[in-house]
């Protein structure tokens, strides 16, 4: 009993100082970008990452929908610039919800079935290098896709849909409500203003429209 009585003041002191008696990891924000969430590499690194995510979300909550849309545009610009050889693209429709925005781009370059996985791989590589977390990869033969998310809650994706056309989307987190203007980025081909749905891909590329496994440079 004497030992128990001596231990109690020590425990009380530890609790008063706010020192945890046991640690817990953080599984929600692994920086490596695995398709499935992995365990945290350590208590300290997990807490730092969680704090970074919270700070990022706090900053984004100060943005309005127009500012968030501009950031989404910049993210789409960046990944398109990171795909080599470059492709022709046009703006897709912008949609808004209660507190967020979705920006879209449609690829007007014909991407052959043999090159689609290469296209996705280059987008994924760009995102990994820029500290995005890869949420999911769909390796469907006809409609493959890759989905990623930033620390501050922006979601981005590249997916192949009908007739093998590639689409890029960027979803903002919930931000302050505001009006949203059309994207300021100039497409590198026809703008197709007021045209919906957009035409199917009609631009041929020696690399992207070609056959073969094609992991080489174009």
Protein backbone atom coordinates (compact mmCIF):
# COMPACT_ATOMS: atom_id res chain seq x y z
CA UNK A 1 0.00 0.00 0.00
CA UNK A 2 2.86 2.35 0.70
CA UNK A 3 4.06 1.97 -2.90
CA UNK A 4 0.61 2.86 -4.23
CA UNK A 5 0.46 6.00 -2.12
CA UNK A 6 3.89 7.10 -3.32
CA UNK A 7 2.94 6.56 -6.99
CA UNK A 8 -0.25 8.63 -6.82
CA UNK A 9 1.43 12.05 -6.37
CA UNK A 10 3.75 11.24 -9.32
CA UNK A 11 0.83 10.36 -11.59
CA UNK A 12 -1.01 13.50 -10.52
CA UNK A 13 2.04 15.60 -11.32
CA UNK A 14 2.42 14.04 -14.76
CA UNK A 15 -1.22 14.70 -15.57
CA UNK A 16 -0.96 18.27 -14.30
CA UNK A 17 1.94 18.90 -16.68
CA UNK A 18 -0.11 17.53 -19.58
CA UNK A 19 2.35 14.71 -20.36
CA UNK A 20 0.49 11.77 -21.96
CA UNK A 21 0.88 8.39 -20.31
CA UNK A 22 0.54 6.65 -23.69
CA UNK A 23 1.04 7.82 -27.31
CA UNK A 24 -1.17 7.43 -30.30
CA UNK A 25 -0.28 7.54 -33.98
CA UNK A 26 -1.92 9.38 -36.86
CA UNK A 27 -3.09 7.29 -39.78
CA UNK A 28 -5.00 9.89 -41.74
CA UNK A 29 -2.21 11.84 -43.42
CA UNK A 30 0.62 9.59 -44.59
CA UNK A 31 2.88 11.71 -46.78
CA UNK A 32 3.91 8.85 -49.00
CA UNK A 33 0.57 8.89 -50.86
CA UNK A 34 -0.27 5.19 -50.72
CA UNK A 35 -3.57 4.11 -52.19
CA UNK A 36 -4.61 2.74 -48.82
CA UNK A 37 -3.84 4.67 -45.67
CA UNK A 38 -0.77 3.37 -43.86
CA UNK A 39 0.25 3.53 -40.24
CA UNK A 40 2.14 6.58 -39.04
CA UNK A 41 5.91 6.24 -38.80
CA UNK A 42 5.96 7.80 -35.34
CA UNK A 43 4.01 9.75 -32.76
CA UNK A 44 5.99 12.94 -33.31
CA UNK A 45 5.81 12.92 -37.11
CA UNK A 46 2.11 12.02 -36.98
CA UNK A 47 1.35 14.95 -34.71
CA UNK A 48 3.36 17.37 -36.84
CA UNK A 49 1.52 16.27 -39.96
CA UNK A 50 -1.85 16.54 -38.23
CA UNK A 51 -0.98 20.04 -37.02
CA UNK A 52 0.07 20.98 -40.56
CA UNK A 53 -3.24 19.74 -41.94
CA UNK A 54 -5.20 21.68 -39.31
CA UNK A 55 -3.27 24.88 -40.09
CA UNK A 56 -3.88 24.38 -43.79
CA UNK A 57 -7.61 23.86 -43.25
CA UNK A 58 -7.77 26.92 -41.01
CA UNK A 59 -6.17 29.03 -43.75
CA UNK A 60 -8.55 27.65 -46.37
CA UNK A 61 -11.56 28.48 -44.23
CA UNK A 62 -10.48 32.11 -44.56
CA UNK A 63 -10.68 31.87 -48.38
CA UNK A 64 -13.83 32.54 -50.31
CA UNK A 65 -15.12 30.48 -53.22
CA UNK A 66 -13.47 32.69 -55.86
CA UNK A 67 -10.06 32.40 -54.21
CA UNK A 68 -10.50 28.64 -53.84
CA UNK A 69 -11.51 28.37 -57.51
CA UNK A 70 -8.36 30.25 -58.51
CA UNK A 71 -6.25 27.83 -56.48
CA UNK A 72 -8.03 24.89 -58.13
CA UNK A 73 -7.26 26.44 -61.53
CA UNK A 74 -3.58 26.73 -60.59
CA UNK A 75 -3.51 23.08 -59.54
CA UNK A 76 -4.97 21.98 -62.87
CA UNK A 77 -2.56 24.24 -64.77
CA UNK A 78 0.35 22.71 -62.88
CA UNK A 79 -0.49 19.06 -63.49
CA UNK A 80 -1.13 19.70 -67.20
CA UNK A 81 2.27 21.36 -67.43
CA UNK A 82 3.74 18.34 -65.65
CA UNK A 83 2.44 15.92 -68.30
CA UNK A 84 4.99 15.52 -71.08
CA UNK A 85 4.50 15.64 -74.04
CA UNK A 86 1.86 18.34 -73.56
CA UNK A 87 -1.75 17.82 -74.62
CA UNK A 88 -4.45 20.08 -76.00
CA UNK A 89 -7.12 20.94 -73.42
CA UNK A 90 -10.24 23.05 -72.95
CA UNK A 91 -12.19 24.25 -69.93
CA UNK A 92 -15.08 22.10 -68.79
CA UNK A 93 -18.08 23.43 -66.82
CA UNK A 94 -17.63 24.95 -63.38
CA UNK A 95 -20.08 23.81 -60.72
CA UNK A 96 -20.66 25.24 -57.26
CA UNK A 97 -22.20 23.73 -54.17
CA UNK A 98 -23.10 25.18 -50.77
CA UNK A 99 -19.52 26.12 -49.89
CA UNK A 100 -17.23 24.70 -52.57
CA UNK A 101 -16.33 24.75 -56.26
CA UNK A 102 -15.39 22.17 -58.88
CA UNK A 103 -13.24 23.16 -61.86
CA UNK A 104 -12.88 20.89 -64.87
CA UNK A 105 -10.64 20.45 -67.90
CA UNK A 106 -11.22 18.21 -70.91
CA UNK A 107 -8.29 16.83 -72.88
CA UNK A 108 -8.79 17.31 -76.61
CA UNK A 109 -5.77 15.21 -77.60
CA UNK A 110 -6.53 11.63 -78.59
CA UNK A 111 -4.95 9.32 -76.00
CA UNK A 112 -4.80 5.76 -77.29
CA UNK A 113 -5.71 2.84 -75.02
CA UNK A 114 -2.04 1.84 -74.96
CA UNK A 115 -1.02 5.28 -73.65
CA UNK A 116 -3.71 5.88 -71.04
CA UNK A 117 -1.86 4.29 -68.16
CA UNK A 118 1.25 6.29 -69.06
CA UNK A 119 -0.84 9.47 -68.99
CA UNK A 120 -2.14 8.61 -65.51
CA UNK A 121 1.32 7.61 -64.30
CA UNK A 122 2.73 11.00 -65.25
CA UNK A 123 -0.03 12.84 -63.43
CA UNK A 124 0.45 10.63 -60.38
CA UNK A 125 4.22 11.14 -60.44
CA UNK A 126 3.75 14.90 -60.56
CA UNK A 127 1.39 14.82 -57.58
CA UNK A 128 3.66 12.60 -55.51
CA UNK A 129 6.62 14.89 -56.17
CA UNK A 130 4.55 17.85 -54.99
CA UNK A 131 3.43 16.26 -51.71
CA UNK A 132 -0.09 15.31 -52.73
CA UNK A 133 -1.52 12.16 -51.17
CA UNK A 134 -2.80 9.57 -53.64
CA UNK A 135 -6.24 8.51 -52.40
CA UNK A 136 -7.12 5.87 -54.97
CA UNK A 137 -6.10 4.38 -58.30
CA UNK A 138 -8.61 2.74 -60.63
CA UNK A 139 -6.86 0.41 -63.07
CA UNK A 140 -9.95 -0.42 -65.10
CA UNK A 141 -9.01 -1.27 -68.68
CA UNK A 142 -11.53 1.12 -70.23
CA UNK A 143 -11.99 3.84 -67.61
CA UNK A 144 -8.84 4.12 -65.49
CA UNK A 145 -8.40 7.01 -63.06
CA UNK A 146 -6.22 8.38 -60.28
CA UNK A 147 -7.39 10.52 -57.35
CA UNK A 148 -5.27 12.70 -55.07
CA UNK A 149 -5.75 15.18 -52.25
CA UNK A 150 -3.71 18.04 -50.81
CA UNK A 151 -2.99 18.65 -47.14
CA UNK A 152 -5.51 21.50 -47.17
CA UNK A 153 -8.35 19.36 -48.52
CA UNK A 154 -8.35 20.10 -52.26
CA UNK A 155 -9.16 16.99 -54.29
CA UNK A 156 -7.86 16.43 -57.83
CA UNK A 157 -8.33 13.64 -60.31
CA UNK A 158 -7.60 12.47 -63.82
CA UNK A 159 -10.01 9.97 -65.35
CA UNK A 160 -10.78 8.44 -68.73
CA UNK A 161 -14.41 8.30 -69.74
CA UNK A 162 -16.52 7.86 -72.85
CA UNK A 163 -14.61 7.44 -76.13
CA UNK A 164 -11.38 7.39 -74.14
CA UNK A 165 -11.40 11.12 -73.38
CA UNK A 166 -9.34 12.28 -70.41
CA UNK A 167 -10.84 14.69 -67.89
CA UNK A 168 -9.24 16.55 -65.00
CA UNK A 169 -11.17 17.85 -62.01
CA UNK A 170 -10.29 19.87 -58.91
CA UNK A 171 -12.67 20.09 -55.96
CA UNK A 172 -12.19 22.76 -53.31
CA UNK A 173 -12.81 22.24 -49.60
CA UNK A 174 -15.63 24.11 -47.89
CA UNK A 175 -14.87 27.86 -47.91
CA UNK A 176 -16.70 31.17 -47.49
CA UNK A 177 -19.54 31.69 -49.94
CA UNK A 178 -18.94 34.16 -52.76
CA UNK A 179 -19.52 34.67 -56.45
CA UNK A 180 -17.29 32.64 -58.76
CA UNK A 181 -15.94 33.99 -62.05
CA UNK A 182 -15.02 31.94 -65.08
CA UNK A 183 -11.47 30.55 -65.14
CA UNK A 184 -8.81 33.04 -66.18
CA UNK A 185 -6.45 30.41 -67.64
CA UNK A 186 -6.35 30.44 -71.43
CA UNK A 187 -6.76 27.00 -73.04
CA UNK A 188 -4.05 26.00 -75.48
CA UNK A 189 -6.60 25.37 -78.21
CA UNK A 190 -10.18 26.35 -79.06
CA UNK A 191 -12.08 27.70 -76.03
CA UNK A 192 -15.47 26.21 -76.99
CA UNK A 193 -17.24 28.96 -75.06
CA UNK A 194 -20.91 28.18 -74.61
CA UNK A 195 -20.45 24.70 -76.09
CA UNK A 196 -21.66 21.80 -73.98
CA UNK A 197 -21.04 18.96 -74.09
CA UNK A 198 -17.54 19.52 -75.39
CA UNK A 199 -16.45 17.77 -78.59
CA UNK A 200 -14.66 14.44 -78.44
CA UNK A 201 -10.86 14.49 -78.77
CA UNK A 202 -9.80 15.43 -82.28
CA UNK A 203 -6.12 16.37 -81.96
CA UNK A 204 -3.59 13.72 -82.96
CA UNK A 205 -0.27 13.32 -81.15
CA UNK A 206 2.66 11.25 -82.38
CA UNK A 207 3.16 10.04 -78.83
CA UNK A 208 -0.20 10.06 -77.04
CA UNK A 209 -2.21 8.81 -80.01
CA UNK A 210 0.29 6.10 -80.87
CA UNK A 211 0.31 2.41 -80.14
CA UNK A 212 2.57 0.33 -77.93
CA UNK A 213 3.32 0.32 -74.23
CA UNK A 214 5.16 3.62 -74.63
CA UNK A 215 6.83 4.40 -71.35
CA UNK A 216 9.54 6.24 -73.26
CA UNK A 217 9.66 9.99 -73.83
CA UNK A 218 7.62 11.50 -76.59
